[in-house]
């Protein structure tokens, strides 16, 4: 299997800190990580809004009345 055929994942507990999330996303661009799974992600008080990044899409639960425990960022 070639390196380009591998999917790379990173899991990180960000302790509800947006700065930690941004730092991980910048690190992952350099290392070409495909999926980042954040536990205890930062959310605004509406439990919907979180950080965004130009290199990644983010995936969260559709249930707005429940705070997601994990956010997945997928490389574009």
N, C-alpha and C. Protein backbone atom coordinates (compact mmCIF):
# COMPACT_ATOMS: atom_id res chain seq x y z
N UNK A 1 0.84 -1.18 0.00
CA UNK A 1 0.00 0.00 0.00
C UNK A 1 0.88 1.24 0.00
N UNK A 2 0.59 2.17 -0.87
CA UNK A 2 1.34 3.41 -0.94
C UNK A 2 0.88 4.37 0.14
N UNK A 3 1.74 5.30 0.50
CA UNK A 3 1.37 6.29 1.52
C UNK A 3 0.13 7.08 1.11
N UNK A 4 -0.03 7.36 -0.17
CA UNK A 4 -1.19 8.14 -0.61
C UNK A 4 -2.50 7.37 -0.48
N UNK A 5 -2.43 6.06 -0.31
CA UNK A 5 -3.63 5.23 -0.16
C UNK A 5 -4.11 5.13 1.28
N UNK A 6 -3.34 5.65 2.21
CA UNK A 6 -3.69 5.53 3.62
C UNK A 6 -4.52 6.73 4.08
N UNK A 7 -5.48 6.44 4.94
CA UNK A 7 -6.23 7.50 5.61
C UNK A 7 -5.57 7.75 6.96
N UNK A 8 -5.36 9.01 7.26
CA UNK A 8 -4.72 9.36 8.53
C UNK A 8 -5.73 10.05 9.43
N UNK A 9 -5.78 9.60 10.69
CA UNK A 9 -6.70 10.13 11.69
C UNK A 9 -5.91 10.68 12.87
N UNK A 10 -6.48 11.69 13.50
CA UNK A 10 -5.95 12.19 14.76
C UNK A 10 -7.12 12.39 15.69
N UNK A 11 -6.97 12.00 16.93
CA UNK A 11 -7.99 12.23 17.96
C UNK A 11 -7.34 13.08 19.03
N UNK A 12 -8.09 14.11 19.48
CA UNK A 12 -7.53 14.99 20.50
C UNK A 12 -8.65 15.53 21.39
N UNK A 13 -8.41 15.56 22.69
CA UNK A 13 -9.34 16.18 23.64
C UNK A 13 -8.90 17.63 23.80
N UNK A 14 -9.75 18.55 23.36
CA UNK A 14 -9.37 19.97 23.37
C UNK A 14 -9.80 20.72 24.62
N UNK A 15 -10.49 20.04 25.52
CA UNK A 15 -10.89 20.65 26.79
C UNK A 15 -11.66 21.96 26.58
N UNK A 16 -12.57 21.95 25.60
CA UNK A 16 -13.44 23.09 25.24
C UNK A 16 -12.65 24.37 24.97
N UNK A 17 -11.48 24.25 24.37
CA UNK A 17 -10.62 25.38 24.11
C UNK A 17 -10.46 25.56 22.59
N UNK A 18 -10.96 26.65 22.05
CA UNK A 18 -10.89 26.91 20.61
C UNK A 18 -9.45 27.05 20.14
N UNK A 19 -8.58 27.63 20.96
CA UNK A 19 -7.17 27.78 20.59
C UNK A 19 -6.52 26.41 20.36
N UNK A 20 -6.82 25.44 21.21
CA UNK A 20 -6.30 24.09 21.03
C UNK A 20 -6.76 23.49 19.71
N UNK A 21 -8.01 23.75 19.34
CA UNK A 21 -8.55 23.23 18.09
C UNK A 21 -7.82 23.84 16.89
N UNK A 22 -7.62 25.16 16.92
CA UNK A 22 -6.90 25.82 15.82
C UNK A 22 -5.47 25.31 15.69
N UNK A 23 -4.81 25.12 16.82
CA UNK A 23 -3.44 24.62 16.80
C UNK A 23 -3.37 23.24 16.16
N UNK A 24 -4.29 22.37 16.53
CA UNK A 24 -4.32 21.02 15.94
C UNK A 24 -4.59 21.08 14.44
N UNK A 25 -5.52 21.92 14.02
CA UNK A 25 -5.84 22.02 12.60
C UNK A 25 -4.64 22.52 11.79
N UNK A 26 -3.91 23.48 12.32
CA UNK A 26 -2.71 23.97 11.61
C UNK A 26 -1.65 22.88 11.53
N UNK A 27 -1.46 22.15 12.61
CA UNK A 27 -0.50 21.04 12.63
C UNK A 27 -0.88 19.99 11.60
N UNK A 28 -2.15 19.72 11.48
CA UNK A 28 -2.63 18.66 10.59
C UNK A 28 -2.48 19.02 9.13
N UNK A 29 -2.55 20.29 8.79
CA UNK A 29 -2.31 20.70 7.41
C UNK A 29 -0.90 20.32 7.00
N UNK A 30 0.06 20.61 7.86
CA UNK A 30 1.45 20.30 7.57
C UNK A 30 1.69 18.80 7.44
N UNK A 31 0.93 18.01 8.19
CA UNK A 31 1.13 16.56 8.20
C UNK A 31 0.11 15.79 7.36
N UNK A 32 -0.74 16.50 6.66
CA UNK A 32 -1.72 15.94 5.74
C UNK A 32 -2.61 14.88 6.39
N UNK A 33 -3.12 15.21 7.57
CA UNK A 33 -4.06 14.33 8.27
C UNK A 33 -5.42 14.47 7.59
N UNK A 34 -6.10 13.35 7.34
CA UNK A 34 -7.38 13.37 6.63
C UNK A 34 -8.56 13.69 7.54
N UNK A 35 -8.57 13.13 8.74
CA UNK A 35 -9.69 13.30 9.67
C UNK A 35 -9.16 13.62 11.06
N UNK A 36 -9.78 14.62 11.68
CA UNK A 36 -9.44 14.99 13.04
C UNK A 36 -10.70 14.86 13.88
N UNK A 37 -10.63 14.12 14.95
CA UNK A 37 -11.76 13.93 15.84
C UNK A 37 -11.46 14.67 17.14
N UNK A 38 -12.24 15.70 17.40
CA UNK A 38 -12.07 16.50 18.61
C UNK A 38 -13.09 16.08 19.65
N UNK A 39 -12.60 15.70 20.81
CA UNK A 39 -13.47 15.48 21.97
C UNK A 39 -13.50 16.78 22.76
N UNK A 40 -14.61 17.02 23.46
CA UNK A 40 -14.80 18.23 24.26
C UNK A 40 -14.44 19.47 23.46
N UNK A 41 -15.04 19.59 22.29
CA UNK A 41 -14.78 20.72 21.40
C UNK A 41 -15.40 22.00 21.94
N UNK A 42 -14.88 23.12 21.45
CA UNK A 42 -15.46 24.41 21.80
C UNK A 42 -16.70 24.65 20.96
N UNK A 43 -17.78 25.06 21.60
CA UNK A 43 -19.01 25.48 20.93
C UNK A 43 -19.44 26.82 21.51
N UNK A 44 -20.09 27.63 20.67
CA UNK A 44 -20.72 28.84 21.18
C UNK A 44 -21.91 28.44 22.06
N UNK A 45 -22.50 29.38 22.72
CA UNK A 45 -23.60 29.07 23.65
C UNK A 45 -24.81 28.45 22.98
N UNK A 46 -24.93 28.59 21.64
CA UNK A 46 -26.06 27.99 20.92
C UNK A 46 -25.89 26.49 20.68
N UNK A 47 -24.74 25.93 21.05
CA UNK A 47 -24.41 24.51 20.85
C UNK A 47 -24.39 24.09 19.38
N UNK A 48 -24.30 25.06 18.49
CA UNK A 48 -24.24 24.77 17.05
C UNK A 48 -22.95 25.31 16.45
N UNK A 49 -22.62 26.55 16.78
CA UNK A 49 -21.49 27.24 16.17
C UNK A 49 -20.18 26.81 16.82
N UNK A 50 -19.20 26.49 15.97
CA UNK A 50 -17.87 26.16 16.44
C UNK A 50 -16.87 26.83 15.50
N UNK A 51 -15.61 26.53 15.65
CA UNK A 51 -14.61 27.15 14.78
C UNK A 51 -14.74 26.59 13.37
N UNK A 52 -14.16 27.30 12.43
CA UNK A 52 -14.10 26.81 11.06
C UNK A 52 -12.66 26.93 10.58
N UNK A 53 -12.36 26.23 9.50
CA UNK A 53 -11.02 26.27 8.95
C UNK A 53 -11.12 26.08 7.45
N UNK A 54 -10.32 26.83 6.71
CA UNK A 54 -10.41 26.81 5.25
C UNK A 54 -10.01 25.47 4.63
N UNK A 55 -9.25 24.66 5.35
CA UNK A 55 -8.77 23.39 4.79
C UNK A 55 -9.65 22.20 5.17
N UNK A 56 -10.65 22.41 6.04
CA UNK A 56 -11.45 21.30 6.56
C UNK A 56 -12.94 21.62 6.55
N UNK A 57 -13.74 20.58 6.32
CA UNK A 57 -15.18 20.62 6.58
C UNK A 57 -15.36 20.09 8.00
N UNK A 58 -16.39 20.52 8.69
CA UNK A 58 -16.65 19.90 9.99
C UNK A 58 -18.00 19.22 9.99
N UNK A 59 -18.09 18.15 10.75
CA UNK A 59 -19.29 17.32 10.84
C UNK A 59 -19.71 17.26 12.30
N UNK A 60 -20.95 17.66 12.57
CA UNK A 60 -21.48 17.61 13.93
C UNK A 60 -22.87 16.96 13.90
N UNK A 61 -23.35 16.63 15.04
CA UNK A 61 -24.68 16.04 15.18
C UNK A 61 -25.75 17.01 14.69
N UNK A 62 -26.82 16.47 14.16
CA UNK A 62 -27.94 17.31 13.70
C UNK A 62 -28.82 17.76 14.86
N UNK A 63 -28.69 17.15 16.01
CA UNK A 63 -29.52 17.49 17.16
C UNK A 63 -28.97 18.72 17.85
N UNK A 64 -29.67 19.83 17.72
CA UNK A 64 -29.18 21.10 18.23
C UNK A 64 -29.38 21.27 19.72
N UNK A 65 -30.29 20.51 20.31
CA UNK A 65 -30.53 20.68 21.74
C UNK A 65 -29.56 19.85 22.59
N UNK A 66 -28.72 19.07 21.93
CA UNK A 66 -27.72 18.26 22.63
C UNK A 66 -26.33 18.65 22.12
N UNK A 67 -25.47 18.96 23.04
CA UNK A 67 -24.10 19.32 22.66
C UNK A 67 -23.36 18.07 22.18
N UNK A 68 -22.75 18.17 21.01
CA UNK A 68 -21.98 17.04 20.46
C UNK A 68 -20.76 16.77 21.33
N UNK A 69 -20.49 15.52 21.54
CA UNK A 69 -19.29 15.14 22.30
C UNK A 69 -18.06 15.08 21.41
N UNK A 70 -18.28 14.86 20.12
CA UNK A 70 -17.17 14.76 19.16
C UNK A 70 -17.53 15.56 17.92
N UNK A 71 -16.55 16.29 17.40
CA UNK A 71 -16.67 16.93 16.09
C UNK A 71 -15.62 16.28 15.20
N UNK A 72 -16.01 16.01 13.97
CA UNK A 72 -15.06 15.46 13.00
C UNK A 72 -14.75 16.55 11.99
N UNK A 73 -13.48 16.81 11.78
CA UNK A 73 -13.03 17.71 10.73
C UNK A 73 -12.42 16.84 9.64
N UNK A 74 -12.95 16.98 8.42
CA UNK A 74 -12.49 16.20 7.28
C UNK A 74 -11.79 17.13 6.29
N UNK A 75 -10.64 16.71 5.85
CA UNK A 75 -9.87 17.54 4.92
C UNK A 75 -10.63 17.72 3.62
N UNK A 76 -10.63 18.92 3.07
CA UNK A 76 -11.33 19.22 1.80
C UNK A 76 -10.57 18.62 0.64
